[in-house]
Amino acid sequence: MTVTIEKTSDFSECLALRLAVFVEEQNVPAEEEVDDLDDQSVHFIARDQDQNPVGTARIYEVGDTGKIGRVCVAKAQRGTGLGVKLIEACIAELSARPHIKQAKLGSQNHAIKFYERFGFTVQGGEYMDGGIPHHDMVLPL
């Protein structure tokens, strides 16, 4: 299956995916899913060959750190490598910014091994986000 990933200014498709995955599937409170960081973020959208949105992620900057977040893949696309492609797109975008020295994300505990494949390492202790246990992870760029 062919999937394309691109930056988008149409946040509505990203939000629809995030609501389906985080709010409907994972029971994250809807009011915690949208925040003021969406306005300052670069959003990525993944589309299948029929141009349906099937994955999303966002990045934004905090000083010399690029934050990756709200990474999600539609249920039908899980296990296809789409998550890998989304993270690679985020890392590539951040790496192209010379002032960014590291990437950081908040990983759900079950996804730590996934992010370790890219070289991310756990930083700090466990915390709850949206009712789900997380750890911060960092990757030097």
Protein backbone atom coordinates (compact mmCIF):
# COMPACT_ATOMS: atom_id res chain seq x y z
CA MET A 1 0.00 0.00 0.00
CA THR A 2 1.37 3.38 -0.99
CA VAL A 3 1.25 6.10 1.63
CA THR A 4 2.41 9.69 1.27
CA ILE A 5 3.36 12.00 4.13
CA GLU A 6 3.35 15.76 3.80
CA LYS A 7 3.13 18.88 5.88
CA THR A 8 -0.38 20.27 5.97
CA SER A 9 -2.11 23.48 6.95
CA ASP A 10 -5.48 21.67 7.06
CA PHE A 11 -5.52 20.86 10.75
CA SER A 12 -9.08 19.47 10.60
CA GLU A 13 -7.96 16.12 9.14
CA CYS A 14 -5.22 15.78 11.75
CA LEU A 15 -7.65 16.54 14.53
CA ALA A 16 -10.20 14.02 13.23
CA LEU A 17 -7.54 11.27 13.33
CA ARG A 18 -6.38 12.31 16.81
CA LEU A 19 -9.94 12.29 18.14
CA ALA A 20 -10.57 8.83 16.67
CA VAL A 21 -7.37 7.34 18.11
CA PHE A 22 -6.80 9.17 21.38
CA VAL A 23 -10.33 10.11 22.49
CA GLU A 24 -12.46 7.30 21.07
CA GLU A 25 -9.99 4.38 21.27
CA GLN A 26 -7.80 5.36 24.22
CA ASN A 27 -10.35 7.35 26.26
CA VAL A 28 -8.21 10.50 26.53
CA PRO A 29 -10.50 13.35 27.65
CA ALA A 30 -11.44 15.41 24.57
CA GLU A 31 -10.56 18.66 26.31
CA GLU A 32 -6.98 17.42 26.78
CA GLU A 33 -6.49 16.54 23.11
CA VAL A 34 -6.54 20.07 21.69
CA ASP A 35 -4.14 22.64 23.11
CA ASP A 36 -2.61 25.98 22.24
CA LEU A 37 0.46 24.22 20.80
CA ASP A 38 -1.52 23.18 17.71
CA ASP A 39 -1.41 26.78 16.45
CA GLN A 40 2.40 26.91 16.59
CA SER A 41 3.04 23.37 15.32
CA VAL A 42 3.90 21.96 11.92
CA HIS A 43 1.42 19.17 11.26
CA PHE A 44 2.12 16.11 9.13
CA ILE A 45 -0.61 14.09 7.46
CA ALA A 46 -0.24 10.62 5.95
CA ARG A 47 -2.61 9.64 3.17
CA ASP A 48 -3.28 6.28 1.56
CA GLN A 49 -3.46 5.77 -2.21
CA ASP A 50 -7.10 6.98 -2.17
CA GLN A 51 -6.01 10.18 -0.39
CA ASN A 52 -7.72 9.20 2.87
CA PRO A 53 -5.95 10.52 5.99
CA VAL A 54 -4.42 7.55 7.85
CA GLY A 55 -1.80 9.06 10.18
CA THR A 56 -0.64 12.31 11.71
CA ALA A 57 2.02 13.87 13.91
CA ARG A 58 3.07 17.37 14.90
CA ILE A 59 6.32 19.13 15.75
CA TYR A 60 7.09 22.42 17.45
CA GLU A 61 10.13 24.10 18.96
CA VAL A 62 11.04 24.90 22.55
CA GLY A 63 14.42 26.62 22.49
CA ASP A 64 16.92 24.23 20.87
CA THR A 65 14.57 21.24 21.29
CA GLY A 66 12.15 19.98 18.68
CA LYS A 67 9.11 18.39 20.26
CA ILE A 68 7.34 15.55 18.44
CA GLY A 69 3.81 14.81 19.51
CA ARG A 70 0.31 13.65 18.79
CA VAL A 71 1.64 10.77 16.70
CA CYS A 72 -1.17 8.44 15.69
CA VAL A 73 -2.02 5.94 12.98
CA ALA A 74 -5.49 4.80 11.94
CA LYS A 75 -6.29 1.33 13.22
CA ALA A 76 -6.36 -0.23 9.73
CA GLN A 77 -2.81 1.04 9.03
CA ARG A 78 -1.12 -0.16 12.23
CA GLY A 79 1.71 -2.61 11.70
CA THR A 80 2.37 -1.38 8.14
CA GLY A 81 5.42 0.76 8.95
CA LEU A 82 3.46 4.00 8.72
CA GLY A 83 4.42 4.99 12.27
CA VAL A 84 8.09 4.61 11.33
CA LYS A 85 7.61 6.85 8.29
CA LEU A 86 5.84 9.51 10.38
CA ILE A 87 8.67 9.61 12.95
CA GLU A 88 11.28 9.67 10.18
CA ALA A 89 9.49 12.68 8.62
CA CYS A 90 9.45 14.49 11.97
CA ILE A 91 13.14 13.77 12.64
CA ALA A 92 14.10 14.85 9.10
CA GLU A 93 12.23 18.15 9.49
CA LEU A 94 13.83 18.87 12.87
CA SER A 95 17.30 17.82 11.66
CA ALA A 96 17.05 20.36 8.83
CA ARG A 97 16.80 23.15 11.40
CA PRO A 98 20.41 23.92 12.44
CA HIS A 99 19.45 25.47 15.79
CA ILE A 100 17.62 22.31 16.93
CA LYS A 101 19.99 20.13 18.97
CA GLN A 102 17.64 17.36 20.11
CA ALA A 103 14.21 15.84 19.52
CA LYS A 104 11.97 15.10 22.48
CA LEU A 105 8.66 13.30 22.83
CA GLY A 106 6.35 11.86 25.44
CA SER A 107 5.96 8.14 24.76
CA GLN A 108 3.16 5.98 26.02
CA ASN A 109 4.93 3.25 27.97
CA HIS A 110 3.91 0.50 25.53
CA ALA A 111 5.59 2.45 22.67
CA ILE A 112 9.02 2.99 24.31
CA LYS A 113 10.63 0.13 22.36
CA PHE A 114 9.26 1.59 19.12
CA TYR A 115 10.98 4.94 19.73
CA GLU A 116 14.19 3.29 20.93
CA ARG A 117 14.58 1.93 17.37
CA PHE A 118 15.30 5.53 16.25
CA GLY A 119 17.83 6.12 19.05
CA PHE A 120 15.51 7.83 21.53
CA THR A 121 16.33 7.17 25.19
CA VAL A 122 14.10 7.49 28.24
CA GLN A 123 14.66 10.62 30.29
CA GLY A 124 13.13 11.00 33.74
CA GLY A 125 10.37 9.11 35.46
CA GLU A 126 6.90 7.98 34.55
CA TYR A 127 4.03 10.45 34.45
CA MET A 128 0.38 10.33 33.47
CA ASP A 129 -0.89 12.14 30.38
CA GLY A 130 -4.51 11.76 29.36
CA GLY A 131 -4.82 8.97 31.92
CA ILE A 132 -2.09 6.95 30.19
CA PRO A 133 1.41 6.24 31.64
CA HIS A 134 4.18 8.00 29.68
CA HIS A 135 7.94 8.62 29.75
CA ASP A 136 9.80 11.48 28.10
CA MET A 137 12.35 10.37 25.50
CA VAL A 138 15.14 12.34 23.81
CA LEU A 139 17.25 11.97 20.67
CA PRO A 140 20.37 14.08 20.02
CA LEU A 141 20.32 15.56 16.51
